[in-house]
Structure formats: C-alpha cells, structure tokens
C-alpha cells in the first residue's frame, strides 16, 4: 500500500508501477494504489509473462507429488534388491 507518507519520505518518486496479474485478487477493503492514482503517478504495465504465484505453487505441488512417487518406486526396488541379496547370502 502506497501512502502519502512515503511520498514525503522518498523524494523524487515520479511513478508507481504495478504489473498485470491474472491471480484472483485478495479481498482488500481499500485500493492499495489509491494514493498514486490520485496523484497521477500510477502506471500498470504488461510484462508479457503469464507466470503467477498460483501457477508457481501448482508447479511446486505437482513436482513434489511426482518426486514422492519416484522415491516410493525406488524404495520398493531397493527393498526387493536388499531382500533378494539377503536370500542369496543365506544360501551361501
């Protein structure tokens, strides 16, 4: 939230920029950019990137689940190998 007190403390602020985002907005009672808009220094820009916090979180979750499945399969193979080796050693 940009407030007038920042403008007084930070001299020379001529623009406040916010990117276009496709994530659902958070429930905010006040527009966090109201002051810059009133001052005429607010600009919205489009970076051309569709990456959002939600898409990053979804990728992390998906990759974690895939990692866990790979590890489960690997652990099962390792357990079979260990048990199979034990049997061979017992036979010798």
N, C-alpha and C. Protein backbone atom coordinates (compact mmCIF):
# COMPACT_ATOMS: atom_id res chain seq x y z
N UNK A 1 0.86 -1.17 0.00
CA UNK A 1 0.00 0.00 0.00
C UNK A 1 0.90 1.23 0.00
N UNK A 2 0.71 2.04 -0.98
CA UNK A 2 1.48 3.28 -1.12
C UNK A 2 0.72 4.38 -0.41
N UNK A 3 1.37 5.02 0.54
CA UNK A 3 0.72 6.08 1.30
C UNK A 3 1.44 7.39 1.08
N UNK A 4 0.75 8.45 1.35
CA UNK A 4 1.34 9.79 1.16
C UNK A 4 2.62 9.97 1.99
N UNK A 5 2.69 9.32 3.15
CA UNK A 5 3.89 9.45 3.98
C UNK A 5 5.13 8.97 3.24
N UNK A 6 4.99 7.97 2.35
CA UNK A 6 6.13 7.50 1.57
C UNK A 6 6.59 8.59 0.60
N UNK A 7 5.63 9.27 0.01
CA UNK A 7 5.96 10.32 -0.94
C UNK A 7 6.75 11.43 -0.25
N UNK A 8 6.39 11.73 0.99
CA UNK A 8 7.12 12.76 1.72
C UNK A 8 8.52 12.30 2.07
N UNK A 9 8.67 11.00 2.43
CA UNK A 9 9.98 10.48 2.83
C UNK A 9 10.89 10.21 1.64
N UNK A 10 10.32 9.74 0.55
CA UNK A 10 11.11 9.38 -0.62
C UNK A 10 10.91 10.45 -1.68
N UNK A 11 11.86 11.34 -1.78
CA UNK A 11 11.75 12.44 -2.74
C UNK A 11 12.04 11.93 -4.15
N UNK A 12 11.38 12.50 -5.09
CA UNK A 12 11.65 12.17 -6.48
C UNK A 12 10.87 11.00 -7.04
N UNK A 13 9.92 10.44 -6.27
CA UNK A 13 9.10 9.35 -6.80
C UNK A 13 8.17 9.96 -7.83
N UNK A 14 8.35 9.53 -9.08
CA UNK A 14 7.53 10.09 -10.15
C UNK A 14 6.56 9.08 -10.73
N UNK A 15 6.75 7.79 -10.39
CA UNK A 15 5.86 6.77 -10.92
C UNK A 15 5.80 5.58 -9.95
N UNK A 16 4.62 5.01 -9.82
CA UNK A 16 4.42 3.77 -9.06
C UNK A 16 3.86 2.78 -10.07
N UNK A 17 4.57 1.65 -10.24
CA UNK A 17 4.23 0.69 -11.28
C UNK A 17 3.71 -0.61 -10.67
N UNK A 18 2.70 -1.17 -11.32
CA UNK A 18 2.15 -2.46 -10.92
C UNK A 18 1.93 -3.28 -12.18
N UNK A 19 2.33 -4.54 -12.13
CA UNK A 19 2.14 -5.42 -13.29
C UNK A 19 0.73 -5.95 -13.35
N UNK A 20 0.34 -6.37 -14.55
CA UNK A 20 -0.95 -7.01 -14.72
C UNK A 20 -0.82 -8.43 -14.18
N UNK A 21 -1.75 -8.84 -13.39
CA UNK A 21 -1.69 -10.20 -12.84
C UNK A 21 -3.03 -10.88 -13.07
N UNK A 22 -2.96 -12.21 -13.26
CA UNK A 22 -4.19 -12.93 -13.51
C UNK A 22 -4.66 -13.70 -12.29
N UNK A 23 -3.90 -13.65 -11.19
CA UNK A 23 -4.35 -14.29 -9.96
C UNK A 23 -5.59 -13.58 -9.45
N UNK A 24 -6.43 -14.34 -8.79
CA UNK A 24 -7.62 -13.73 -8.19
C UNK A 24 -7.18 -12.72 -7.15
N UNK A 25 -7.74 -11.54 -7.16
CA UNK A 25 -7.33 -10.52 -6.19
C UNK A 25 -7.68 -10.92 -4.76
N UNK A 26 -6.84 -10.49 -3.85
CA UNK A 26 -7.07 -10.72 -2.43
C UNK A 26 -8.18 -9.76 -1.98
N UNK A 27 -8.96 -10.18 -1.02
CA UNK A 27 -10.01 -9.31 -0.51
C UNK A 27 -9.36 -8.12 0.19
N UNK A 28 -9.43 -6.98 -0.44
CA UNK A 28 -8.84 -5.75 0.10
C UNK A 28 -9.95 -4.72 0.22
N UNK A 29 -10.02 -4.12 1.37
CA UNK A 29 -11.07 -3.12 1.57
C UNK A 29 -10.73 -1.80 0.87
N UNK A 30 -9.45 -1.46 0.85
CA UNK A 30 -9.02 -0.22 0.22
C UNK A 30 -8.09 -0.54 -0.94
N UNK A 31 -8.16 0.25 -1.99
CA UNK A 31 -7.27 0.09 -3.13
C UNK A 31 -5.85 0.46 -2.68
N UNK A 32 -4.90 -0.48 -2.73
CA UNK A 32 -3.54 -0.17 -2.27
C UNK A 32 -2.84 0.88 -3.14
N UNK A 33 -3.40 1.15 -4.31
CA UNK A 33 -2.80 2.14 -5.21
C UNK A 33 -3.63 3.41 -5.32
N UNK A 34 -4.53 3.62 -4.37
CA UNK A 34 -5.41 4.79 -4.42
C UNK A 34 -4.63 6.10 -4.42
N UNK A 35 -3.64 6.22 -3.56
CA UNK A 35 -2.88 7.48 -3.46
C UNK A 35 -2.11 7.76 -4.75
N UNK A 36 -1.32 6.80 -5.27
CA UNK A 36 -0.62 7.08 -6.54
C UNK A 36 -1.60 7.41 -7.68
N UNK A 37 -2.76 6.75 -7.69
CA UNK A 37 -3.75 7.05 -8.73
C UNK A 37 -4.25 8.49 -8.59
N UNK A 38 -4.52 8.90 -7.36
CA UNK A 38 -4.97 10.27 -7.11
C UNK A 38 -3.90 11.28 -7.53
N UNK A 39 -2.64 10.89 -7.31
CA UNK A 39 -1.53 11.78 -7.64
C UNK A 39 -1.17 11.74 -9.12
N UNK A 40 -1.76 10.80 -9.85
CA UNK A 40 -1.48 10.70 -11.28
C UNK A 40 -0.14 10.06 -11.59
N UNK A 41 0.43 9.29 -10.63
CA UNK A 41 1.73 8.67 -10.86
C UNK A 41 1.65 7.14 -10.95
N UNK A 42 0.45 6.59 -10.99
CA UNK A 42 0.26 5.15 -11.08
C UNK A 42 0.27 4.71 -12.53
N UNK A 43 1.01 3.65 -12.82
CA UNK A 43 1.04 3.06 -14.16
C UNK A 43 0.93 1.55 -14.04
N UNK A 44 0.13 0.94 -14.91
CA UNK A 44 0.05 -0.51 -14.96
C UNK A 44 0.78 -0.95 -16.22
N UNK A 45 1.63 -1.97 -16.08
CA UNK A 45 2.41 -2.46 -17.22
C UNK A 45 2.14 -3.94 -17.44
N UNK A 46 2.33 -4.36 -18.67
CA UNK A 46 2.18 -5.77 -19.02
C UNK A 46 3.56 -6.30 -19.40
N UNK A 47 4.07 -7.23 -18.60
CA UNK A 47 5.40 -7.78 -18.86
C UNK A 47 5.37 -8.83 -19.97
N UNK A 48 4.18 -9.28 -20.31
CA UNK A 48 4.07 -10.32 -21.31
C UNK A 48 4.27 -11.72 -20.74
N UNK A 49 4.49 -11.80 -19.45
CA UNK A 49 4.70 -13.07 -18.77
C UNK A 49 3.40 -13.47 -18.07
N UNK A 50 3.01 -14.74 -18.24
CA UNK A 50 1.78 -15.19 -17.60
C UNK A 50 2.04 -15.95 -16.30
N UNK A 51 3.24 -15.87 -15.79
CA UNK A 51 3.61 -16.54 -14.55
C UNK A 51 2.97 -15.83 -13.36
N UNK A 52 2.29 -16.61 -12.52
CA UNK A 52 1.65 -16.04 -11.34
C UNK A 52 2.08 -16.84 -10.11
N UNK A 53 1.80 -16.32 -8.95
CA UNK A 53 2.11 -17.04 -7.71
C UNK A 53 1.35 -18.36 -7.67
N UNK A 54 0.10 -18.35 -8.11
CA UNK A 54 -0.70 -19.58 -8.13
C UNK A 54 -0.10 -20.64 -9.03
N UNK A 55 0.38 -20.23 -10.22
CA UNK A 55 0.95 -21.21 -11.13
C UNK A 55 2.25 -21.79 -10.58
N UNK A 56 3.03 -20.98 -9.88
CA UNK A 56 4.27 -21.48 -9.26
C UNK A 56 3.94 -22.48 -8.16
N UNK A 57 2.97 -22.16 -7.34
CA UNK A 57 2.56 -23.07 -6.26
C UNK A 57 2.07 -24.39 -6.83
N UNK A 58 1.27 -24.33 -7.89
CA UNK A 58 0.76 -25.56 -8.52
C UNK A 58 1.91 -26.40 -9.07
N UNK A 59 2.91 -25.76 -9.67
CA UNK A 59 4.08 -26.49 -10.19
C UNK A 59 4.86 -27.15 -9.05
N UNK A 60 5.04 -26.44 -7.96
CA UNK A 60 5.76 -26.99 -6.80
C UNK A 60 5.03 -28.22 -6.27
N UNK A 61 3.72 -28.12 -6.11
CA UNK A 61 2.93 -29.24 -5.60
C UNK A 61 3.01 -30.44 -6.55
N UNK A 62 2.83 -30.18 -7.85
CA UNK A 62 2.90 -31.25 -8.85
C UNK A 62 4.26 -31.93 -8.83
N UNK A 63 5.32 -31.14 -8.81
CA UNK A 63 6.68 -31.71 -8.80
C UNK A 63 6.95 -32.48 -7.51
N UNK A 64 6.43 -32.01 -6.40
CA UNK A 64 6.62 -32.72 -5.13
C UNK A 64 5.93 -34.09 -5.17
N UNK A 65 4.71 -34.12 -5.69
CA UNK A 65 3.99 -35.39 -5.79
C UNK A 65 4.71 -36.36 -6.72
N UNK A 66 5.23 -35.86 -7.83
CA UNK A 66 6.00 -36.70 -8.76
C UNK A 66 7.27 -37.22 -8.09
N UNK A 67 7.94 -36.37 -7.34
CA UNK A 67 9.16 -36.75 -6.61
C UNK A 67 8.85 -37.86 -5.60
N UNK A 68 7.77 -37.69 -4.85
CA UNK A 68 7.40 -38.68 -3.84
C UNK A 68 7.08 -40.03 -4.49
N UNK A 69 6.41 -40.00 -5.64
CA UNK A 69 6.09 -41.24 -6.35
C UNK A 69 7.36 -41.92 -6.86
N UNK A 70 8.29 -41.15 -7.43
CA UNK A 70 9.57 -41.72 -7.88
C UNK A 70 10.31 -42.34 -6.71
N UNK A 71 10.32 -41.68 -5.58
CA UNK A 71 11.03 -42.21 -4.40
C UNK A 71 10.36 -43.47 -3.87
N UNK A 72 9.02 -43.49 -3.89
CA UNK A 72 8.30 -44.67 -3.43
C UNK A 72 8.68 -45.88 -4.29
N UNK A 73 8.70 -45.70 -5.60
CA UNK A 73 9.07 -46.78 -6.52
C UNK A 73 10.51 -47.21 -6.30
N UNK A 74 11.41 -46.23 -6.15
CA UNK A 74 12.83 -46.53 -5.93
C UNK A 74 13.04 -47.28 -4.62
N UNK A 75 12.36 -46.85 -3.57
CA UNK A 75 12.49 -47.52 -2.28
C UNK A 75 11.98 -48.96 -2.36
N UNK A 76 10.90 -49.18 -3.11
CA UNK A 76 10.36 -50.53 -3.28
C UNK A 76 11.37 -51.41 -4.02
N UNK A 77 11.99 -50.86 -5.07
CA UNK A 77 13.01 -51.61 -5.82
C UNK A 77 14.21 -51.91 -4.92
N UNK A 78 14.65 -50.91 -4.15
CA UNK A 78 15.78 -51.12 -3.23
C UNK A 78 15.46 -52.18 -2.20
N UNK A 79 14.24 -52.18 -1.67
CA UNK A 79 13.84 -53.17 -0.67
C UNK A 79 13.86 -54.57 -1.28
N UNK A 80 13.39 -54.71 -2.52
CA UNK A 80 13.42 -56.00 -3.20
C UNK A 80 14.86 -56.46 -3.40
N UNK A 81 15.73 -55.54 -3.79
CA UNK A 81 17.14 -55.87 -4.01
C UNK A 81 17.78 -56.32 -2.70
N UNK A 82 17.52 -55.60 -1.62
CA UNK A 82 18.11 -55.93 -0.31
C UNK A 82 17.61 -57.30 0.14
N UNK A 83 16.32 -57.53 0.04
CA UNK A 83 15.76 -58.82 0.47
C UNK A 83 16.24 -59.94 -0.44
N UNK A 84 16.36 -59.67 -1.72
CA UNK A 84 16.87 -60.67 -2.65
C UNK A 84 18.32 -61.00 -2.37
N UNK A 85 19.14 -60.00 -2.02
CA UNK A 85 20.55 -60.20 -1.70
C UNK A 85 20.69 -60.98 -0.41
N UNK A 86 19.84 -60.70 0.58
CA UNK A 86 19.86 -61.42 1.84
C UNK A 86 19.64 -62.90 1.63
N UNK A 87 18.70 -63.23 0.75
CA UNK A 87 18.39 -64.64 0.46
C UNK A 87 19.59 -65.33 -0.16
N UNK A 88 20.26 -64.63 -1.08
CA UNK A 88 21.44 -65.20 -1.73
C UNK A 88 22.54 -65.44 -0.73
N UNK A 89 22.77 -64.45 0.18
CA UNK A 89 23.82 -64.60 1.19
C UNK A 89 23.50 -65.72 2.16
N UNK A 90 22.24 -65.93 2.49
CA UNK A 90 21.85 -67.00 3.40
C UNK A 90 22.08 -68.37 2.75
N UNK A 91 21.90 -68.45 1.44
CA UNK A 91 22.06 -69.71 0.73
C UNK A 91 23.54 -70.09 0.66
N UNK A 92 24.44 -69.11 0.65
CA UNK A 92 25.88 -69.41 0.56
C UNK A 92 26.32 -69.95 1.87
